[in-house]
Amino acid sequence: MALSPFWSFHPQLIQCTYWDQKQQFSYKVDTYNEWIIFAVEDGAFEYEIMQHSGTAVFGDIVVCPPGAPFYREVLTPLSFFFFRFQWMNGSDPIVPFHESMPVGKITIRDTRRLASDYYRIKQLPDLTDPFHLAWISLHLKDILYLYCFESGQPQIEKPLRRDPLMEHAVALIKQKASEPFRMKSLSDSLGLNPVQFTRRFQAALGTTPSEYLTRIRLQKACTLLITGSLTVEEVAEQCGYENGYYLSRLFSKKLKMSPSLYRRTHQL
């Protein structure tokens, strides 16, 4: 399935809505006349679209084509962007959709750039103004093209297994993310040894508990660096790390730049 035609398409945005810490969806299933994207900034939700199903967290966007039933359920309080759009080829809408268009969950590895796109969208004073919708379309196009650049081919997704105990673990990790804690203490509280916990968590979420915790903490660190004037030491403290030195090392390893450089290059 070639991706090359995808590069000639562009999303024309119809609606953009940001939901903050949504506890549950009004409808567990809905169907739309246009393309829909749920882009997760924080939290987790479970979804099923056609043959695609799984759990989406930060770094994931879930794409639903027109007419397809979209089943979804919030697992932990969810902050996300709702994009409603149509694919265009020049000035013409593409109906039906092309086989190269992504459907289901796609994951962006460059979360630094993804967080920057999200941040810049949220700074717009009016998400309904036509000019701002055009501006958001550019960010949405950047995210989708980034997916194409990283994957090179459509992602074939392996459905993840529903595990209520691990959903509880996600909630506990989010509660404790801003303070130092040992993952072993968490696994003990769940009645599992560390190896069992890691295997079950990865089967349910597609990542390890430690990687999930790091993702949450670095996401918060990115937000604090962009939106405030806290020192790196203060940011580290608010993100559950012992000191700024450790945060700087981890930040540079994961995001390929220092916290100070990230702040300089991403602040508006």
Protein backbone atom coordinates (compact mmCIF):
# COMPACT_ATOMS: atom_id res chain seq x y z
CA MET A 1 0.00 0.00 0.00
CA ALA A 2 1.93 3.03 -1.25
CA LEU A 3 1.98 6.27 0.68
CA SER A 4 3.16 8.51 -2.13
CA PRO A 5 -0.30 9.90 -3.09
CA PHE A 6 -0.81 11.00 0.53
CA TRP A 7 1.75 13.77 0.06
CA SER A 8 -0.49 15.51 -2.49
CA PHE A 9 -3.44 15.61 -0.07
CA HIS A 10 -4.05 18.20 2.62
CA PRO A 11 -6.55 18.45 5.50
CA GLN A 12 -9.12 21.23 5.29
CA LEU A 13 -10.24 21.84 8.86
CA ILE A 14 -13.94 22.27 9.64
CA GLN A 15 -13.80 22.25 13.43
CA CYS A 16 -11.21 22.19 16.20
CA THR A 17 -12.22 21.76 19.85
CA TYR A 18 -9.97 21.26 22.86
CA TRP A 19 -11.26 19.19 25.77
CA ASP A 20 -9.46 19.40 29.11
CA GLN A 21 -9.61 16.54 31.63
CA LYS A 22 -12.78 15.02 30.20
CA GLN A 23 -14.10 12.35 32.56
CA GLN A 24 -16.25 10.47 30.06
CA PHE A 25 -17.64 10.75 26.55
CA SER A 26 -21.27 11.79 26.09
CA TYR A 27 -21.69 8.89 23.64
CA LYS A 28 -19.75 5.64 23.72
CA VAL A 29 -20.18 5.33 19.97
CA ASP A 30 -20.71 7.98 17.31
CA THR A 31 -20.56 8.27 13.54
CA TYR A 32 -19.43 11.36 11.64
CA ASN A 33 -19.94 12.64 8.11
CA GLU A 34 -16.36 13.93 7.89
CA TRP A 35 -12.92 12.70 8.96
CA ILE A 36 -12.30 12.88 12.71
CA ILE A 37 -9.12 12.91 14.77
CA PHE A 38 -8.76 12.55 18.54
CA ALA A 39 -5.25 13.77 19.40
CA VAL A 40 -4.34 12.89 22.99
CA GLU A 41 -2.42 15.46 25.03
CA ASP A 42 -2.94 13.80 28.41
CA GLY A 43 -4.73 10.77 29.84
CA ALA A 44 -5.83 7.61 28.03
CA PHE A 45 -8.86 6.24 26.23
CA GLU A 46 -9.86 2.97 24.60
CA TYR A 47 -11.19 2.95 21.03
CA GLU A 48 -12.47 0.70 18.26
CA ILE A 49 -12.80 1.79 14.63
CA MET A 50 -13.52 -0.86 11.99
CA GLN A 51 -10.83 -3.53 12.51
CA HIS A 52 -8.64 -1.20 14.62
CA SER A 53 -8.79 -1.16 18.42
CA GLY A 54 -6.51 -0.35 21.33
CA THR A 55 -5.56 2.29 23.87
CA ALA A 56 -4.38 5.81 23.00
CA VAL A 57 -2.15 8.00 25.20
CA PHE A 58 0.04 11.07 24.62
CA GLY A 59 1.88 10.68 21.33
CA ASP A 60 -1.07 8.87 19.76
CA ILE A 61 -3.73 10.26 17.45
CA VAL A 62 -6.79 8.23 16.47
CA VAL A 63 -8.18 8.77 12.97
CA CYS A 64 -11.78 7.87 12.08
CA PRO A 65 -13.05 8.00 8.48
CA PRO A 66 -16.53 9.23 7.49
CA GLY A 67 -19.37 6.82 8.20
CA ALA A 68 -17.37 4.47 10.44
CA PRO A 69 -18.73 3.81 13.96
CA PHE A 70 -16.26 5.24 16.49
CA TYR A 71 -16.41 3.37 19.82
CA ARG A 72 -14.51 5.06 22.68
CA GLU A 73 -14.23 5.01 26.46
CA VAL A 74 -12.18 7.23 28.78
CA LEU A 75 -9.75 5.25 30.93
CA THR A 76 -8.15 8.19 32.77
CA PRO A 77 -9.19 11.90 32.63
CA LEU A 78 -8.57 12.89 29.04
CA SER A 79 -7.21 16.10 27.52
CA PHE A 80 -7.37 15.99 23.74
CA PHE A 81 -7.96 17.88 20.50
CA PHE A 82 -11.03 17.03 18.43
CA PHE A 83 -10.37 17.74 14.75
CA ARG A 84 -13.13 17.50 12.13
CA PHE A 85 -11.86 17.88 8.56
CA GLN A 86 -11.99 16.66 4.99
CA TRP A 87 -9.13 15.54 2.82
CA MET A 88 -8.53 17.72 -0.21
CA ASN A 89 -6.65 17.15 -3.44
CA GLY A 90 -6.04 20.70 -4.61
CA SER A 91 -9.47 22.34 -4.38
CA ASP A 92 -11.42 19.09 -4.61
CA PRO A 93 -12.54 16.94 -1.67
CA ILE A 94 -11.44 13.30 -1.87
CA VAL A 95 -14.45 10.97 -1.75
CA PRO A 96 -14.18 8.09 -1.10
CA PHE A 97 -10.97 8.13 0.89
CA HIS A 98 -7.72 6.89 -0.64
CA GLU A 99 -6.20 3.64 0.62
CA SER A 100 -3.02 5.46 1.68
CA MET A 101 -4.86 7.59 4.25
CA PRO A 102 -4.25 6.47 7.84
CA VAL A 103 -7.13 4.96 9.84
CA GLY A 104 -7.07 3.96 13.52
CA LYS A 105 -4.20 4.83 15.84
CA ILE A 106 -0.96 6.32 14.61
CA THR A 107 1.88 7.17 16.96
CA ILE A 108 4.23 10.14 16.64
CA ARG A 109 7.71 9.38 17.95
CA ASP A 110 8.87 13.00 17.84
CA THR A 111 6.77 14.03 20.85
CA ARG A 112 8.80 17.22 21.21
CA ARG A 113 7.53 18.50 17.88
CA LEU A 114 4.06 17.13 18.59
CA ALA A 115 3.88 18.97 21.93
CA SER A 116 4.99 22.15 20.16
CA ASP A 117 2.15 21.82 17.61
CA TYR A 118 -0.34 21.29 20.43
CA TYR A 119 0.99 24.24 22.40
CA ARG A 120 0.78 26.65 19.46
CA ILE A 121 -2.78 25.60 18.67
CA LYS A 122 -3.81 26.21 22.29
CA GLN A 123 -2.38 29.75 22.18
CA LEU A 124 -4.88 30.83 19.53
CA PRO A 125 -7.59 33.03 21.06
CA ASP A 126 -10.41 31.67 18.88
CA LEU A 127 -10.46 28.13 17.50
CA THR A 128 -13.49 28.91 15.31
CA ASP A 129 -12.15 31.95 13.43
CA PRO A 130 -11.56 31.07 9.72
CA PHE A 131 -8.00 32.39 9.76
CA HIS A 132 -7.17 30.44 12.91
CA LEU A 133 -8.75 27.29 11.44
CA ALA A 134 -6.45 27.68 8.44
CA TRP A 135 -3.51 28.08 10.82
CA ILE A 136 -4.54 24.97 12.77
CA SER A 137 -4.81 23.08 9.46
CA LEU A 138 -1.11 23.72 8.93
CA HIS A 139 -0.29 22.22 12.33
CA LEU A 140 -2.54 19.25 11.63
CA LYS A 141 -0.84 18.76 8.29
CA ASP A 142 2.54 18.96 10.03
CA ILE A 143 1.48 16.20 12.46
CA LEU A 144 0.17 13.93 9.70
CA TYR A 145 3.20 14.47 7.48
CA LEU A 146 5.43 13.79 10.46
CA TYR A 147 3.71 10.44 10.80
CA CYS A 148 4.42 9.70 7.13
CA PHE A 149 8.05 10.73 7.50
CA GLU A 150 8.55 8.52 10.55
CA SER A 151 6.73 5.45 9.32
CA GLY A 152 7.26 5.41 5.58
CA GLN A 153 4.29 3.06 5.29
CA PRO A 154 0.87 2.62 6.88
CA GLN A 155 1.05 1.32 10.43
CA ILE A 156 -0.46 -2.11 10.98
CA GLU A 157 -1.63 -1.95 14.53
CA LYS A 158 -1.71 -4.89 16.94
CA PRO A 159 -4.77 -4.59 19.17
CA LEU A 160 -3.90 -4.23 22.85
CA ARG A 161 -5.54 -6.26 25.58
CA ARG A 162 -8.05 -4.62 27.96
CA ASP A 163 -6.83 -4.97 31.55
CA PRO A 164 -8.79 -3.15 34.31
CA LEU A 165 -5.96 -3.66 36.81
CA MET A 166 -3.53 -1.91 34.46
CA GLU A 167 -6.04 0.89 33.90
CA HIS A 168 -5.94 1.33 37.66
CA ALA A 169 -2.14 1.30 37.47
CA VAL A 170 -2.25 4.10 34.88
CA ALA A 171 -4.38 6.20 37.23
CA LEU A 172 -1.94 5.58 40.11
CA ILE A 173 1.09 6.48 37.97
CA LYS A 174 -0.58 9.73 36.93
CA GLN A 175 -1.37 10.52 40.57
CA LYS A 176 2.21 9.89 41.66
CA ALA A 177 4.01 11.27 38.59
CA SER A 178 4.79 14.63 40.20
CA GLU A 179 6.53 13.10 43.20
CA PRO A 180 9.42 10.65 43.62
CA PHE A 181 8.23 7.06 44.01
CA ARG A 182 9.45 3.53 43.37
CA MET A 183 7.74 1.50 40.68
CA LYS A 184 8.23 -1.61 42.82
CA SER A 185 6.03 -0.10 45.52
CA LEU A 186 3.32 0.35 42.90
CA SER A 187 3.62 -3.22 41.62
CA ASP A 188 3.52 -4.52 45.22
CA SER A 189 0.30 -2.56 45.85
CA LEU A 190 -1.22 -4.28 42.81
CA GLY A 191 -0.20 -7.75 44.05
CA LEU A 192 2.31 -8.28 41.25
CA ASN A 193 6.06 -8.67 41.14
CA PRO A 194 7.97 -6.18 38.93
CA VAL A 195 8.31 -8.60 36.00
CA GLN A 196 4.60 -9.51 36.02
CA PHE A 197 3.66 -5.84 36.30
CA THR A 198 5.86 -4.81 33.36
CA ARG A 199 4.55 -7.59 31.12
CA ARG A 200 0.89 -6.88 31.89
CA PHE A 201 1.31 -3.14 31.54
CA GLN A 202 3.04 -3.49 28.17
CA ALA A 203 0.36 -5.89 26.93
CA ALA A 204 -2.35 -3.37 27.88
CA LEU A 205 -0.66 -0.05 27.01
CA GLY A 206 2.03 -0.95 24.49
CA THR A 207 4.79 0.52 26.66
CA THR A 208 6.48 -0.23 29.98
CA PRO A 209 5.42 1.45 33.26
CA SER A 210 8.74 3.31 33.47
CA GLU A 211 8.49 4.56 29.88
CA TYR A 212 4.91 5.68 30.50
CA LEU A 213 5.95 7.57 33.64
CA THR A 214 8.85 9.20 31.80
CA ARG A 215 6.52 10.27 28.98
CA ILE A 216 4.13 11.92 31.44
CA ARG A 217 6.93 13.69 33.33
CA LEU A 218 8.69 14.96 30.21
CA GLN A 219 5.39 16.17 28.78
CA LYS A 220 4.83 18.19 31.96
CA ALA A 221 8.43 19.43 31.89
CA CYS A 222 7.97 20.64 28.29
CA THR A 223 4.82 22.53 29.27
CA LEU A 224 6.47 24.14 32.32
CA LEU A 225 9.51 25.18 30.30
CA ILE A 226 7.40 26.81 27.60
CA THR A 227 4.74 28.47 29.72
CA GLY A 228 6.67 29.65 32.79
CA SER A 229 9.93 31.03 34.09
CA LEU A 230 10.81 28.25 36.53
CA THR A 231 14.43 27.18 36.73
CA VAL A 232 15.35 23.69 35.52
CA GLU A 233 15.79 22.70 39.17
CA GLU A 234 12.25 23.89 39.97
CA VAL A 235 10.83 22.14 36.90
CA ALA A 236 12.55 18.91 37.95
CA GLU A 237 11.03 19.16 41.43
CA GLN A 238 7.51 19.64 40.04
CA CYS A 239 7.96 16.68 37.70
CA GLY A 240 9.01 14.21 40.39
CA TYR A 241 12.76 14.23 39.76
CA GLU A 242 15.36 14.67 42.47
CA ASN A 243 17.33 17.42 40.78
CA GLY A 244 17.75 19.46 37.64
CA TYR A 245 20.90 17.59 36.63
CA TYR A 246 19.02 14.30 36.31
CA LEU A 247 16.18 15.98 34.39
CA SER A 248 18.68 17.62 32.02
CA ARG A 249 20.38 14.30 31.28
CA LEU A 250 17.07 12.54 30.67
CA PHE A 251 15.67 15.44 28.64
CA SER A 252 18.76 15.50 26.40
CA LYS A 253 18.66 11.73 25.95
CA LYS A 254 14.96 11.54 25.05
CA LEU A 255 14.39 14.86 23.25
CA LYS A 256 17.90 15.39 21.86
CA MET A 257 18.30 18.87 23.33
CA SER A 258 18.80 20.48 26.73
CA PRO A 259 15.86 21.95 28.69
CA SER A 260 17.27 25.47 28.23
CA LEU A 261 17.54 25.04 24.46
CA TYR A 262 14.02 23.61 24.33
CA ARG A 263 12.74 26.70 26.18
CA ARG A 264 14.55 29.10 23.81
CA THR A 265 13.34 27.39 20.64
CA HIS A 266 9.72 26.76 21.67
CA GLN A 267 8.63 29.84 23.58
CA LEU A 268 6.54 32.26 21.54
